[in-house]
Each structure stands twice: as C-alpha cells, then as structure tokens.
C-alpha cells in the first residue's frame, strides 16, 4: 500500500502536498482567533489545494481518461471521466472556487467560508483517496504503472 503514496516521484509530491493541505487546514483552525486576513488565507488555500489536485491528477493519469472519453486513442486509467470519483472531485472543486469568489465580495463571511472550504476539501480528499485505497485492495494490477 505504500506504493500508492510513494510509488514514484509524482506520488511522493502529491503525498507531501496532501499533508501540507491537511496541515494548513489544522493550522487555520488552531489560529482562527489570531488570523486577521482571512482573504489571503483562503487564496493561499485554494492555490495549495489546486496544486495538490494537479499532482494527484498526474499521479492517477486522469488526462488519459479524458482522452479515452473523447477519442479512445489511449486506454482509460484509474478513474473514468463519468465515475463517481470524477463527479465528486468536480462538484467539490466548483464549490471551493465559487466560495472563494464569494469571499472576495463578502469579507464578513471569510472565516466561515474558509471552514466550509476546509470541510469540502476534507470530504473530497477522503473520498478520492479512499477510492484509491479500495481500488488498490480489490484490483492491485490497476496500479502497475507506478
């Protein structure tokens, strides 16, 4: 199972970013009374979160699934474009981005928006990573590319 998170350099980077993402959420929660610039905290979180998902998409070869869905010239990889994992990922990502945009215009709600974004992010991470673990335990050959 260590192969899932340390199987190649992209997996290692995505694992480190996963830890940084969760650490940032914990840091934001623990320092909520002292933080004055919630807008900057939200912006940095969205950038960190986007970087995490960029590397996880590379790690899971999601671009091949997109190509497979459009013209079939390559094989489908870990999750298909129409899978529940893709749907959860995109819905959660849209929620995070929309809330980030709302926080620009509603500074009074920025702290609350950060915590909503954090919960959505945790659900997104738990679902995708849980799906990878479940898939690895049921069909380990799907991870031979790592």
Protein backbone atom coordinates (compact mmCIF):
# COMPACT_ATOMS: atom_id res chain seq x y z
CA UNK A 1 0.00 0.00 0.00
CA UNK A 2 2.98 2.33 0.37
CA UNK A 3 3.18 2.17 -3.42
CA UNK A 4 0.03 4.31 -3.57
CA UNK A 5 1.73 7.25 -1.90
CA UNK A 6 5.44 6.66 -2.52
CA UNK A 7 5.47 4.64 -5.77
CA UNK A 8 7.09 7.35 -7.92
CA UNK A 9 8.17 10.97 -7.71
CA UNK A 10 4.74 12.38 -8.60
CA UNK A 11 3.13 10.19 -5.93
CA UNK A 12 5.63 11.45 -3.36
CA UNK A 13 4.97 15.08 -4.30
CA UNK A 14 1.20 14.57 -4.14
CA UNK A 15 1.57 12.86 -0.74
CA UNK A 16 3.59 15.80 0.59
CA UNK A 17 1.01 18.23 -0.79
CA UNK A 18 -1.77 16.18 0.78
CA UNK A 19 -0.05 16.51 4.15
CA UNK A 20 0.53 20.23 3.58
CA UNK A 21 -3.13 20.69 2.67
CA UNK A 22 -4.36 18.96 5.82
CA UNK A 23 -1.73 20.74 7.91
CA UNK A 24 -2.87 24.11 6.55
CA UNK A 25 -6.46 23.32 7.50
CA UNK A 26 -5.39 22.37 11.03
CA UNK A 27 -3.20 25.48 11.27
CA UNK A 28 -6.13 27.67 10.17
CA UNK A 29 -8.41 26.10 12.74
CA UNK A 30 -5.93 26.37 15.61
CA UNK A 31 -5.04 30.00 14.80
CA UNK A 32 -8.55 31.17 13.95
CA UNK A 33 -8.58 33.76 16.75
CA UNK A 34 -5.30 35.36 15.66
CA UNK A 35 -5.82 35.38 11.88
CA UNK A 36 -6.75 38.83 10.59
CA UNK A 37 -6.51 38.39 6.81
CA UNK A 38 -8.89 35.54 6.01
CA UNK A 39 -8.97 36.53 2.35
CA UNK A 40 -5.25 35.81 1.99
CA UNK A 41 -5.66 32.55 3.92
CA UNK A 42 -8.43 31.47 1.53
CA UNK A 43 -6.40 32.44 -1.53
CA UNK A 44 -3.34 30.52 -0.35
CA UNK A 45 -5.50 27.51 0.50
CA UNK A 46 -7.13 27.48 -2.94
CA UNK A 47 -3.70 27.68 -4.59
CA UNK A 48 -2.33 24.87 -2.39
CA UNK A 49 -5.44 22.78 -2.97
CA UNK A 50 -5.25 23.30 -6.75
CA UNK A 51 -1.59 22.29 -6.75
CA UNK A 52 -2.45 19.15 -4.80
CA UNK A 53 -5.11 18.13 -7.31
CA UNK A 54 -2.86 18.90 -10.26
CA UNK A 55 -0.29 16.41 -8.98
CA UNK A 56 -2.91 13.82 -7.98
CA UNK A 57 -4.42 14.00 -11.48
CA UNK A 58 -0.96 13.46 -12.96
CA UNK A 59 -0.33 10.65 -10.45
CA UNK A 60 -3.58 8.87 -11.39
CA UNK A 61 -3.16 9.55 -15.15
CA UNK A 62 -6.54 11.27 -15.27
CA UNK A 63 -5.62 13.02 -18.52
CA UNK A 64 -5.61 9.60 -20.22
CA UNK A 65 -9.17 9.05 -19.00
CA UNK A 66 -10.19 12.36 -20.58
CA UNK A 67 -8.54 11.40 -23.88
CA UNK A 68 -10.19 7.97 -23.68
CA UNK A 69 -13.58 9.63 -23.21
CA UNK A 70 -13.11 11.91 -26.22
CA UNK A 71 -11.47 9.76 -28.88
CA UNK A 72 -10.41 6.45 -27.32
CA UNK A 73 -6.84 6.69 -28.59
CA UNK A 74 -5.39 5.70 -25.21
CA UNK A 75 -6.57 3.35 -22.50
CA UNK A 76 -8.68 4.55 -19.60
CA UNK A 77 -6.69 4.88 -16.40
CA UNK A 78 -7.64 4.79 -12.73
CA UNK A 79 -10.98 6.64 -12.77
CA UNK A 80 -13.19 7.26 -15.78
CA UNK A 81 -14.47 10.73 -16.60
CA UNK A 82 -18.03 9.71 -15.72
CA UNK A 83 -17.12 7.93 -12.48
CA UNK A 84 -18.46 8.99 -9.10
CA UNK A 85 -14.90 9.96 -8.16
CA UNK A 86 -14.74 12.44 -11.04
CA UNK A 87 -18.16 13.82 -10.22
CA UNK A 88 -17.32 14.29 -6.53
CA UNK A 89 -13.99 15.90 -7.48
CA UNK A 90 -15.50 18.40 -9.91
CA UNK A 91 -18.50 19.29 -7.73
CA UNK A 92 -16.25 19.87 -4.72
CA UNK A 93 -13.82 21.91 -6.82
CA UNK A 94 -16.62 24.12 -8.15
CA UNK A 95 -17.92 24.65 -4.60
CA UNK A 96 -14.44 25.65 -3.42
CA UNK A 97 -13.92 28.08 -6.31
CA UNK A 98 -17.39 29.64 -6.02
CA UNK A 99 -16.93 30.14 -2.28
CA UNK A 100 -13.52 31.67 -2.96
CA UNK A 101 -15.11 34.14 -5.37
CA UNK A 102 -17.90 34.91 -2.90
CA UNK A 103 -15.30 35.64 -0.23
CA UNK A 104 -13.93 38.46 -2.42
CA UNK A 105 -17.25 40.29 -2.21
CA UNK A 106 -18.32 39.27 1.30
CA UNK A 107 -15.38 39.94 3.65
CA UNK A 108 -17.60 39.49 6.72
CA UNK A 109 -18.04 35.80 5.91
CA UNK A 110 -14.43 34.95 5.02
CA UNK A 111 -13.68 33.00 8.20
CA UNK A 112 -16.84 30.92 7.79
CA UNK A 113 -16.07 30.41 4.10
CA UNK A 114 -12.59 29.13 4.97
CA UNK A 115 -14.07 26.48 7.26
CA UNK A 116 -16.70 25.46 4.70
CA UNK A 117 -13.97 25.17 2.06
CA UNK A 118 -11.89 23.13 4.53
CA UNK A 119 -14.74 20.67 5.16
CA UNK A 120 -15.46 20.32 1.43
CA UNK A 121 -11.75 19.75 0.83
CA UNK A 122 -11.54 17.07 3.53
CA UNK A 123 -14.56 15.26 2.08
CA UNK A 124 -13.04 15.49 -1.42
CA UNK A 125 -9.66 14.17 -0.27
CA UNK A 126 -11.17 11.40 1.85
CA UNK A 127 -13.42 10.21 -0.97
CA UNK A 128 -10.77 10.18 -3.71
CA UNK A 129 -8.00 8.72 -1.55
CA UNK A 130 -10.42 6.21 -0.01
CA UNK A 131 -11.44 5.16 -3.53
CA UNK A 132 -7.79 4.66 -4.48
CA UNK A 133 -7.16 2.50 -1.40
CA UNK A 134 -10.30 0.45 -2.06
CA UNK A 135 -9.33 0.01 -5.71
CA UNK A 136 -5.78 -0.97 -4.77
CA UNK A 137 -7.07 -3.60 -2.34
CA UNK A 138 -9.55 -5.02 -4.85
CA UNK A 139 -7.55 -4.75 -8.13
CA UNK A 140 -3.86 -4.07 -7.38
CA UNK A 141 -2.88 -4.57 -11.03
CA UNK A 142 -4.53 -1.21 -11.86
CA UNK A 143 -1.51 0.40 -10.18
CA UNK A 144 1.18 -1.38 -12.20
CA UNK A 145 2.02 1.90 -13.93
CA UNK A 146 3.51 3.25 -10.69
